[in-house]
């Protein structure tokens, strides 16, 4: 007869344990406060790892501890650009899946926006197109929602079919 297995509970990650993820989380939480002010701050949770060589996985959770989706790539903890990109993706997925809504929404088009790099910054990008020929635009840099819309010329975006970043599963080798 086998005993029931109770997996260990996630733990709240303390400030300073992952400094670059903390900085990225602060930016994303600024956007959340502007767009979903009643939601509360996102937080980092540590999840036990069953993979050799990985102490724990970290995910982005709602203020109430719910989370969904990707854990943060451990390699992104040491690079500011990768940290912001990984955390923004994970935060957006947690909000969308736990609250069942697109987040953040473009105030002009009422459509979900996505993080995209342009001019060396990670920004919230909207596909636009309420009318034919309307250009895609950047609403704001991640952390800067509430500002004005900035149109982005077509040549600033990767071409269709151009290779983009590929997500790896948590245990996948590089």
N, C-alpha and C. Protein backbone atom coordinates (compact mmCIF):
# COMPACT_ATOMS: atom_id res chain seq x y z
N UNK A 1 0.85 -1.17 0.00
CA UNK A 1 0.00 0.00 0.00
C UNK A 1 0.90 1.24 0.00
N UNK A 2 0.60 2.18 -0.85
CA UNK A 2 1.44 3.39 -0.94
C UNK A 2 0.80 4.51 -0.12
N UNK A 3 1.66 5.27 0.48
CA UNK A 3 1.19 6.43 1.25
C UNK A 3 0.90 7.58 0.30
N UNK A 4 -0.04 8.40 0.68
CA UNK A 4 -0.33 9.59 -0.13
C UNK A 4 0.84 10.56 -0.02
N UNK A 5 1.14 11.20 -1.11
CA UNK A 5 2.24 12.15 -1.14
C UNK A 5 1.68 13.57 -1.14
N UNK A 6 2.04 14.33 -0.15
CA UNK A 6 1.67 15.74 -0.10
C UNK A 6 2.87 16.56 -0.53
N UNK A 7 2.79 17.16 -1.71
CA UNK A 7 3.94 17.95 -2.15
C UNK A 7 4.16 19.14 -1.21
N UNK A 8 5.40 19.56 -1.06
CA UNK A 8 5.68 20.70 -0.20
C UNK A 8 4.96 21.95 -0.71
N UNK A 9 4.59 22.81 0.19
CA UNK A 9 3.90 24.05 -0.16
C UNK A 9 4.89 25.05 -0.76
N UNK A 10 4.41 25.88 -1.67
CA UNK A 10 5.26 26.98 -2.16
C UNK A 10 5.59 27.91 -1.00
N UNK A 11 6.69 28.59 -1.10
CA UNK A 11 7.08 29.55 -0.07
C UNK A 11 7.18 30.93 -0.69
N UNK A 12 6.91 31.93 0.11
CA UNK A 12 7.08 33.30 -0.35
C UNK A 12 8.56 33.60 -0.46
N UNK A 13 8.99 34.10 -1.61
CA UNK A 13 10.38 34.47 -1.81
C UNK A 13 10.62 35.80 -1.10
N UNK A 14 11.68 35.87 -0.33
CA UNK A 14 11.99 37.09 0.42
C UNK A 14 12.64 38.13 -0.48
N UNK A 15 12.36 39.41 -0.23
CA UNK A 15 13.03 40.46 -1.01
C UNK A 15 14.55 40.30 -0.91
N UNK A 16 15.21 40.44 -2.05
CA UNK A 16 16.67 40.34 -2.10
C UNK A 16 17.19 38.96 -2.45
N UNK A 17 16.36 37.93 -2.42
CA UNK A 17 16.84 36.60 -2.79
C UNK A 17 17.18 36.53 -4.27
N UNK A 18 16.38 37.19 -5.09
CA UNK A 18 16.59 37.24 -6.53
C UNK A 18 16.47 38.70 -6.95
N UNK A 19 17.55 39.48 -6.79
CA UNK A 19 17.46 40.93 -6.97
C UNK A 19 16.94 41.39 -8.35
N UNK A 20 17.35 40.75 -9.43
CA UNK A 20 16.89 41.19 -10.75
C UNK A 20 15.42 40.87 -10.96
N UNK A 21 14.97 39.75 -10.42
CA UNK A 21 13.54 39.45 -10.51
C UNK A 21 12.74 40.41 -9.64
N UNK A 22 13.31 40.81 -8.50
CA UNK A 22 12.65 41.82 -7.65
C UNK A 22 12.46 43.13 -8.41
N UNK A 23 13.51 43.56 -9.11
CA UNK A 23 13.43 44.81 -9.89
C UNK A 23 12.38 44.69 -10.99
N UNK A 24 12.39 43.57 -11.68
CA UNK A 24 11.42 43.35 -12.76
C UNK A 24 10.00 43.30 -12.19
N UNK A 25 9.83 42.64 -11.07
CA UNK A 25 8.51 42.55 -10.43
C UNK A 25 8.00 43.93 -10.03
N UNK A 26 8.89 44.79 -9.58
CA UNK A 26 8.48 46.15 -9.21
C UNK A 26 7.92 46.89 -10.42
N UNK A 27 8.56 46.73 -11.58
CA UNK A 27 8.06 47.38 -12.80
C UNK A 27 6.69 46.83 -13.20
N UNK A 28 6.57 45.52 -13.18
CA UNK A 28 5.30 44.89 -13.58
C UNK A 28 4.20 45.27 -12.58
N UNK A 29 4.53 45.33 -11.31
CA UNK A 29 3.54 45.72 -10.30
C UNK A 29 3.08 47.16 -10.48
N UNK A 30 3.95 48.04 -10.99
CA UNK A 30 3.52 49.41 -11.30
C UNK A 30 2.43 49.38 -12.36
N UNK A 31 2.61 48.56 -13.39
CA UNK A 31 1.60 48.45 -14.44
C UNK A 31 0.32 47.82 -13.91
N UNK A 32 0.44 46.83 -13.06
CA UNK A 32 -0.73 46.18 -12.49
C UNK A 32 -1.52 47.18 -11.63
N UNK A 33 -0.83 48.01 -10.87
CA UNK A 33 -1.50 48.99 -10.01
C UNK A 33 -2.29 50.00 -10.83
N UNK A 34 -1.79 50.35 -12.03
CA UNK A 34 -2.48 51.31 -12.89
C UNK A 34 -3.68 50.65 -13.57
N UNK A 35 -3.53 49.42 -13.98
CA UNK A 35 -4.56 48.77 -14.80
C UNK A 35 -5.56 47.93 -14.01
N UNK A 36 -5.14 47.36 -12.92
CA UNK A 36 -6.01 46.55 -12.06
C UNK A 36 -5.78 46.95 -10.60
N UNK A 37 -6.16 48.16 -10.22
CA UNK A 37 -5.80 48.70 -8.90
C UNK A 37 -6.33 47.89 -7.72
N UNK A 38 -7.40 47.15 -7.88
CA UNK A 38 -7.96 46.38 -6.77
C UNK A 38 -7.35 44.99 -6.63
N UNK A 39 -6.46 44.64 -7.53
CA UNK A 39 -5.92 43.29 -7.56
C UNK A 39 -4.88 43.02 -6.48
N UNK A 40 -4.10 43.96 -6.09
CA UNK A 40 -3.00 43.70 -5.16
C UNK A 40 -1.74 43.36 -5.92
N UNK A 41 -0.64 43.40 -5.21
CA UNK A 41 0.67 43.20 -5.83
C UNK A 41 0.95 41.74 -6.15
N UNK A 42 1.60 41.53 -7.28
CA UNK A 42 2.08 40.21 -7.62
C UNK A 42 3.25 39.88 -6.70
N UNK A 43 3.51 38.61 -6.51
CA UNK A 43 4.60 38.18 -5.64
C UNK A 43 5.34 37.01 -6.28
N UNK A 44 6.53 36.75 -5.77
CA UNK A 44 7.31 35.59 -6.21
C UNK A 44 7.12 34.47 -5.20
N UNK A 45 6.89 33.27 -5.72
CA UNK A 45 6.79 32.08 -4.89
C UNK A 45 7.87 31.09 -5.29
N UNK A 46 8.48 30.47 -4.32
CA UNK A 46 9.45 29.41 -4.56
C UNK A 46 8.76 28.07 -4.52
N UNK A 47 8.99 27.28 -5.55
CA UNK A 47 8.39 25.95 -5.65
C UNK A 47 9.48 24.90 -5.57
N UNK A 48 9.27 23.85 -4.82
CA UNK A 48 10.28 22.81 -4.72
C UNK A 48 10.61 22.23 -6.09
N UNK A 49 11.88 21.95 -6.30
CA UNK A 49 12.32 21.36 -7.56
C UNK A 49 12.60 19.88 -7.34
N UNK A 50 12.24 19.12 -8.32
CA UNK A 50 12.56 17.70 -8.28
C UNK A 50 13.66 17.39 -9.30
N UNK A 51 14.23 18.44 -9.88
CA UNK A 51 15.31 18.28 -10.85
C UNK A 51 16.65 18.44 -10.15
N UNK A 52 17.56 17.55 -10.46
CA UNK A 52 18.88 17.61 -9.88
C UNK A 52 19.58 18.89 -10.33
N UNK A 53 20.21 19.58 -9.42
CA UNK A 53 20.95 20.79 -9.74
C UNK A 53 20.12 22.07 -9.69
N UNK A 54 18.83 21.96 -9.48
CA UNK A 54 17.96 23.13 -9.37
C UNK A 54 17.36 23.12 -7.98
N UNK A 55 17.72 24.11 -7.16
CA UNK A 55 17.25 24.15 -5.77
C UNK A 55 15.74 24.35 -5.71
N UNK A 56 15.24 25.31 -6.47
CA UNK A 56 13.81 25.57 -6.50
C UNK A 56 13.46 26.29 -7.79
N UNK A 57 12.20 26.26 -8.13
CA UNK A 57 11.70 27.04 -9.24
C UNK A 57 10.95 28.22 -8.63
N UNK A 58 10.92 29.31 -9.37
CA UNK A 58 10.24 30.51 -8.89
C UNK A 58 9.16 30.87 -9.91
N UNK A 59 7.99 31.21 -9.39
CA UNK A 59 6.90 31.61 -10.26
C UNK A 59 6.36 32.95 -9.78
N UNK A 60 5.54 33.57 -10.63
CA UNK A 60 4.87 34.82 -10.29
C UNK A 60 3.45 34.47 -9.88
N UNK A 61 3.03 34.96 -8.72
CA UNK A 61 1.71 34.64 -8.18
C UNK A 61 0.94 35.92 -7.89
N UNK A 62 -0.38 35.78 -7.88
CA UNK A 62 -1.24 36.88 -7.46
C UNK A 62 -1.02 37.14 -5.97
N UNK A 63 -1.58 38.24 -5.49
CA UNK A 63 -1.43 38.59 -4.08
C UNK A 63 -1.98 37.49 -3.17
N UNK A 64 -3.00 36.75 -3.63
CA UNK A 64 -3.60 35.70 -2.81
C UNK A 64 -2.85 34.37 -2.90
N UNK A 65 -1.75 34.33 -3.65
CA UNK A 65 -0.93 33.12 -3.76
C UNK A 65 -1.25 32.23 -4.94
N UNK A 66 -2.31 32.53 -5.70
CA UNK A 66 -2.62 31.73 -6.89
C UNK A 66 -1.58 32.02 -7.97
N UNK A 67 -1.23 30.99 -8.69
CA UNK A 67 -0.32 31.17 -9.81
C UNK A 67 -0.66 30.14 -10.88
N UNK A 68 -0.17 30.42 -12.07
CA UNK A 68 -0.41 29.51 -13.18
C UNK A 68 0.68 29.74 -14.21
N UNK A 69 1.06 28.69 -14.88
CA UNK A 69 1.93 28.86 -16.03
C UNK A 69 3.39 28.60 -15.77
N UNK A 70 4.17 29.34 -16.48
CA UNK A 70 5.60 29.10 -16.51
C UNK A 70 6.30 29.51 -15.22
N UNK A 71 7.25 28.69 -14.83
CA UNK A 71 8.19 29.12 -13.80
C UNK A 71 9.25 29.96 -14.50
N UNK A 72 9.91 30.81 -13.76
CA UNK A 72 10.93 31.66 -14.34
C UNK A 72 12.17 30.83 -14.68
N UNK A 73 12.72 31.07 -15.85
CA UNK A 73 13.94 30.37 -16.26
C UNK A 73 15.05 30.76 -15.29
N UNK A 74 15.65 29.78 -14.60
CA UNK A 74 16.70 30.11 -13.63
C UNK A 74 17.84 30.93 -14.23
N UNK A 75 18.12 30.75 -15.51
CA UNK A 75 19.20 31.51 -16.16
C UNK A 75 18.87 32.99 -16.29
N UNK A 76 17.59 33.35 -16.21
CA UNK A 76 17.21 34.75 -16.35
C UNK A 76 17.47 35.55 -15.08
N UNK A 77 17.77 34.88 -13.97
CA UNK A 77 17.98 35.57 -12.70
C UNK A 77 19.25 36.40 -12.70
N UNK A 78 20.15 36.18 -13.67
CA UNK A 78 21.43 36.88 -13.68
C UNK A 78 21.58 37.88 -14.81
N UNK A 79 20.51 38.14 -15.56
CA UNK A 79 20.59 39.06 -16.69
C UNK A 79 19.37 39.98 -16.64
N UNK A 80 19.58 41.30 -16.53
CA UNK A 80 18.44 42.21 -16.37
C UNK A 80 17.41 42.14 -17.50
N UNK A 81 17.87 42.00 -18.73
CA UNK A 81 16.95 41.96 -19.87
C UNK A 81 16.14 40.66 -19.84
N UNK A 82 16.82 39.55 -19.64
CA UNK A 82 16.13 38.26 -19.56
C UNK A 82 15.21 38.19 -18.35
N UNK A 83 15.64 38.77 -17.23
CA UNK A 83 14.81 38.77 -16.02
C UNK A 83 13.50 39.49 -16.27
N UNK A 84 13.56 40.66 -16.88
CA UNK A 84 12.33 41.42 -17.14
C UNK A 84 11.44 40.69 -18.13
N UNK A 85 12.02 40.14 -19.18
CA UNK A 85 11.23 39.42 -20.18
C UNK A 85 10.56 38.19 -19.57
N UNK A 86 11.31 37.40 -18.82
CA UNK A 86 10.76 36.19 -18.21
C UNK A 86 9.67 36.53 -17.20
N UNK A 87 9.93 37.53 -16.38
CA UNK A 87 8.96 37.87 -15.35
C UNK A 87 7.70 38.47 -15.95
N UNK A 88 7.84 39.30 -16.97
CA UNK A 88 6.67 39.89 -17.62
C UNK A 88 5.79 38.82 -18.25
N UNK A 89 6.40 37.87 -18.95
CA UNK A 89 5.64 36.76 -19.54
C UNK A 89 4.91 35.95 -18.47
N UNK A 90 5.62 35.62 -17.40
CA UNK A 90 5.01 34.81 -16.34
C UNK A 90 3.89 35.57 -15.63
N UNK A 91 4.10 36.84 -15.39
CA UNK A 91 3.06 37.66 -14.75
C UNK A 91 1.82 37.75 -15.62
N UNK A 92 2.03 37.99 -16.89
CA UNK A 92 0.89 38.10 -17.81
C UNK A 92 0.13 36.78 -17.86
N UNK A 93 0.82 35.67 -17.90
CA UNK A 93 0.15 34.37 -17.94
C UNK A 93 -0.61 34.10 -16.65
N UNK A 94 -0.02 34.42 -15.51
CA UNK A 94 -0.71 34.20 -14.23
C UNK A 94 -1.98 35.04 -14.15
N UNK A 95 -1.89 36.32 -14.51
CA UNK A 95 -3.07 37.18 -14.46
C UNK A 95 -4.14 36.67 -15.42
N UNK A 96 -3.75 36.35 -16.62
CA UNK A 96 -4.72 35.90 -17.62
C UNK A 96 -5.40 34.60 -17.20
N UNK A 97 -4.64 33.64 -16.73
CA UNK A 97 -5.20 32.33 -16.40
C UNK A 97 -5.95 32.31 -15.07
N UNK A 98 -5.47 33.04 -14.08
CA UNK A 98 -6.13 33.02 -12.77
C UNK A 98 -7.34 33.94 -12.72
N UNK A 99 -7.28 35.05 -13.43
CA UNK A 99 -8.39 36.00 -13.41
C UNK A 99 -9.28 35.88 -14.64
N UNK A 100 -8.89 35.07 -15.59
CA UNK A 100 -9.63 34.84 -16.82
C UNK A 100 -9.89 36.15 -17.57
N UNK A 101 -8.83 36.91 -17.75
CA UNK A 101 -8.95 38.14 -18.53
C UNK A 101 -7.61 38.46 -19.16
N UNK A 102 -7.69 39.11 -20.30
CA UNK A 102 -6.47 39.57 -20.95
C UNK A 102 -5.91 40.71 -20.10
N UNK A 103 -4.60 40.77 -19.99
CA UNK A 103 -3.94 41.83 -19.23
C UNK A 103 -2.55 42.05 -19.79
N UNK A 104 -2.14 43.28 -19.90
CA UNK A 104 -2.91 44.52 -19.80
C UNK A 104 -3.65 44.79 -21.11
N UNK A 105 -4.66 45.62 -21.02
CA UNK A 105 -5.43 45.99 -22.21
C UNK A 105 -4.97 47.34 -22.74
N UNK A 106 -4.97 47.47 -24.05
CA UNK A 106 -4.70 48.76 -24.69
C UNK A 106 -5.92 49.65 -24.46
N UNK A 107 -5.72 50.81 -23.90
CA UNK A 107 -6.81 51.74 -23.64
C UNK A 107 -7.47 52.25 -24.91
N UNK A 108 -6.74 52.23 -26.01
CA UNK A 108 -7.28 52.72 -27.28
C UNK A 108 -8.09 51.66 -28.01
N UNK A 109 -7.66 50.41 -27.93
CA UNK A 109 -8.28 49.34 -28.72
C UNK A 109 -9.00 48.28 -27.89
N UNK A 110 -8.87 48.33 -26.58
CA UNK A 110 -9.48 47.35 -25.69
C UNK A 110 -9.07 45.93 -26.08
N UNK A 111 -7.81 45.77 -26.41
CA UNK A 111 -7.24 44.46 -26.76
C UNK A 111 -6.06 44.18 -25.86
N UNK A 112 -5.80 42.90 -25.64
CA UNK A 112 -4.65 42.53 -24.85
C UNK A 112 -3.35 42.94 -25.53
N UNK A 113 -2.42 43.40 -24.72
CA UNK A 113 -1.09 43.78 -25.23
C UNK A 113 -0.10 42.69 -24.84
N UNK A 114 1.03 42.69 -25.52
CA UNK A 114 2.07 41.71 -25.26
C UNK A 114 3.41 42.40 -25.12
N UNK A 115 4.31 41.82 -24.31
CA UNK A 115 5.63 42.42 -24.20
C UNK A 115 6.44 42.14 -25.45
N UNK A 116 7.15 43.16 -25.89
CA UNK A 116 7.98 43.03 -27.08
C UNK A 116 9.14 44.01 -26.94
N UNK A 117 10.30 43.59 -27.40
CA UNK A 117 11.47 44.47 -27.34
C UNK A 117 11.46 45.40 -28.54
N UNK A 118 11.69 46.67 -28.27
CA UNK A 118 11.83 47.67 -29.34
C UNK A 118 12.76 48.75 -28.82
N UNK A 119 13.71 49.10 -29.62
CA UNK A 119 14.67 50.15 -29.26
C UNK A 119 15.36 49.86 -27.94
N UNK A 120 15.67 48.59 -27.70
CA UNK A 120 16.42 48.21 -26.51
C UNK A 120 15.62 48.16 -25.23
N UNK A 121 14.30 48.34 -25.29
CA UNK A 121 13.45 48.30 -24.10
C UNK A 121 12.34 47.28 -24.29
N UNK A 122 11.94 46.67 -23.21
CA UNK A 122 10.78 45.79 -23.26
C UNK A 122 9.55 46.66 -23.05
N UNK A 123 8.63 46.58 -23.99
CA UNK A 123 7.46 47.46 -23.98
C UNK A 123 6.19 46.66 -24.18
N UNK A 124 5.07 47.26 -23.75
CA UNK A 124 3.75 46.69 -24.02
C UNK A 124 3.34 47.11 -25.42
N UNK A 125 3.11 46.14 -26.27
CA UNK A 125 2.82 46.33 -27.68
C UNK A 125 1.38 45.95 -27.97
N UNK A 126 0.71 46.76 -28.78
CA UNK A 126 -0.66 46.50 -29.20
C UNK A 126 -0.67 46.34 -30.72
N UNK A 127 -1.40 45.35 -31.19
CA UNK A 127 -1.49 45.11 -32.63
C UNK A 127 -2.31 46.19 -33.33
N UNK A 128 -3.08 46.98 -32.58
CA UNK A 128 -3.88 48.05 -33.18
C UNK A 128 -4.94 47.50 -34.12
N UNK A 129 -5.10 48.17 -35.24
CA UNK A 129 -5.95 47.71 -36.34
C UNK A 129 -7.44 47.69 -36.07
N UNK A 130 -7.98 48.71 -35.39
CA UNK A 130 -9.43 48.85 -35.36
C UNK A 130 -9.93 49.30 -36.73
N UNK A 131 -9.06 49.98 -37.45
CA UNK A 131 -9.38 50.39 -38.82
C UNK A 131 -8.27 49.88 -39.73
N UNK A 132 -8.58 49.57 -40.99
CA UNK A 132 -7.56 49.05 -41.91
C UNK A 132 -6.39 50.02 -42.03
N UNK A 133 -5.19 49.46 -42.00
CA UNK A 133 -3.98 50.25 -42.16
C UNK A 133 -3.49 50.91 -40.88
N UNK A 134 -4.22 50.76 -39.80
CA UNK A 134 -3.79 51.35 -38.54
C UNK A 134 -2.54 50.61 -38.05
N UNK A 135 -1.49 51.34 -37.67
CA UNK A 135 -0.25 50.67 -37.30
C UNK A 135 -0.29 50.07 -35.90
N UNK A 136 0.56 49.09 -35.72
CA UNK A 136 0.80 48.59 -34.37
C UNK A 136 1.45 49.73 -33.58
N UNK A 137 1.35 49.66 -32.29
CA UNK A 137 1.98 50.71 -31.50
C UNK A 137 2.42 50.17 -30.15
N UNK A 138 3.33 50.92 -29.57
CA UNK A 138 3.76 50.64 -28.21
C UNK A 138 2.96 51.55 -27.30
N UNK A 139 2.33 50.98 -26.31
CA UNK A 139 1.59 51.78 -25.34
C UNK A 139 2.58 52.43 -24.37
N UNK A 140 3.50 51.64 -23.83
CA UNK A 140 4.50 52.15 -22.88
C UNK A 140 5.53 51.07 -22.63
N UNK A 141 6.67 51.48 -22.11
CA UNK A 141 7.65 50.50 -21.64
C UNK A 141 7.03 49.75 -20.48
N UNK A 142 7.44 48.52 -20.26
CA UNK A 142 6.97 47.77 -19.11
C UNK A 142 7.32 48.59 -17.86
N UNK A 143 6.33 48.82 -17.05
CA UNK A 143 6.50 49.65 -15.86
C UNK A 143 6.02 51.07 -16.06
N UNK A 144 5.64 51.42 -17.29
CA UNK A 144 5.28 52.79 -17.60
C UNK A 144 3.88 52.97 -18.15
N UNK A 145 2.97 52.06 -17.87
CA UNK A 145 1.61 52.23 -18.37
C UNK A 145 0.98 53.49 -17.77
N UNK A 146 0.11 54.08 -18.54
CA UNK A 146 -0.50 55.34 -18.12
C UNK A 146 0.04 56.50 -18.94
N UNK A 147 1.09 56.24 -19.71
CA UNK A 147 1.68 57.27 -20.57
C UNK A 147 1.01 57.28 -21.93
N UNK A 148 1.62 57.97 -22.87
CA UNK A 148 1.01 58.11 -24.19
C UNK A 148 1.40 56.97 -25.13
N UNK A 149 0.62 56.80 -26.18
CA UNK A 149 0.86 55.78 -27.20
C UNK A 149 1.94 56.27 -28.14
N UNK A 150 2.80 55.34 -28.56
CA UNK A 150 3.85 55.67 -29.52
C UNK A 150 3.75 54.70 -30.68
N UNK A 151 3.54 55.24 -31.89
CA UNK A 151 3.47 54.39 -33.09
C UNK A 151 4.85 53.81 -33.37
N UNK A 152 4.86 52.61 -33.87
CA UNK A 152 6.11 51.92 -34.18
C UNK A 152 6.15 51.61 -35.66
N UNK A 153 7.18 52.09 -36.36
CA UNK A 153 7.26 51.78 -37.79
C UNK A 153 7.42 50.28 -38.02
N UNK A 154 6.90 49.83 -39.15
CA UNK A 154 6.93 48.40 -39.46
C UNK A 154 8.33 47.82 -39.39
N UNK A 155 9.34 48.56 -39.81
CA UNK A 155 10.69 48.00 -39.84
C UNK A 155 11.26 47.75 -38.45
N UNK A 156 10.63 48.26 -37.40
CA UNK A 156 11.10 48.02 -36.04
C UNK A 156 10.73 46.64 -35.53
N UNK A 157 9.77 45.98 -36.18
CA UNK A 157 9.31 44.68 -35.72
C UNK A 157 9.97 43.57 -36.52
N UNK A 158 10.16 42.41 -35.90
CA UNK A 158 10.73 41.28 -36.65
C UNK A 158 9.81 40.90 -37.81
N UNK A 159 10.41 40.44 -38.87
CA UNK A 159 9.65 39.99 -40.04
C UNK A 159 8.91 38.70 -39.72
N UNK A 160 7.79 38.49 -40.37
CA UNK A 160 7.06 37.23 -40.19
C UNK A 160 7.99 36.08 -40.54
N UNK A 161 7.97 35.08 -39.72
CA UNK A 161 8.82 33.91 -39.95
C UNK A 161 10.21 34.08 -39.41
N UNK A 162 10.56 35.28 -38.94
CA UNK A 162 11.89 35.48 -38.36
C UNK A 162 11.93 34.75 -37.02
N UNK A 163 13.04 34.11 -36.73
CA UNK A 163 13.10 33.39 -35.47
C UNK A 163 13.01 34.38 -34.31
N UNK A 164 12.25 34.02 -33.32
CA UNK A 164 12.12 34.84 -32.12
C UNK A 164 12.58 34.03 -30.93
N UNK A 165 12.41 34.57 -29.74
CA UNK A 165 12.82 33.81 -28.56
C UNK A 165 11.97 32.56 -28.43
N UNK A 166 12.59 31.50 -27.99
CA UNK A 166 11.91 30.23 -27.82
C UNK A 166 11.82 29.93 -26.34
N UNK A 167 10.64 29.54 -25.91
CA UNK A 167 10.47 29.17 -24.51
C UNK A 167 10.96 27.75 -24.32
N UNK A 168 11.62 27.54 -23.21
CA UNK A 168 12.04 26.21 -22.83
C UNK A 168 11.21 25.79 -21.63
N UNK A 169 10.97 24.50 -21.54
CA UNK A 169 10.32 24.02 -20.34
C UNK A 169 11.33 24.10 -19.20
N UNK A 170 10.84 24.06 -17.99
CA UNK A 170 11.69 24.27 -16.82
C UNK A 170 12.87 23.31 -16.78
N UNK A 171 12.70 22.06 -17.16
CA UNK A 171 13.77 21.09 -17.06
C UNK A 171 14.55 20.88 -18.34
N UNK A 172 14.23 21.59 -19.39
CA UNK A 172 14.86 21.36 -20.68
C UNK A 172 16.29 21.87 -20.70
N UNK A 173 17.18 21.09 -21.25
CA UNK A 173 18.59 21.48 -21.34
C UNK A 173 18.77 22.56 -22.37
N UNK A 174 19.80 23.35 -22.19
CA UNK A 174 20.14 24.41 -23.14
C UNK A 174 20.83 23.84 -24.33
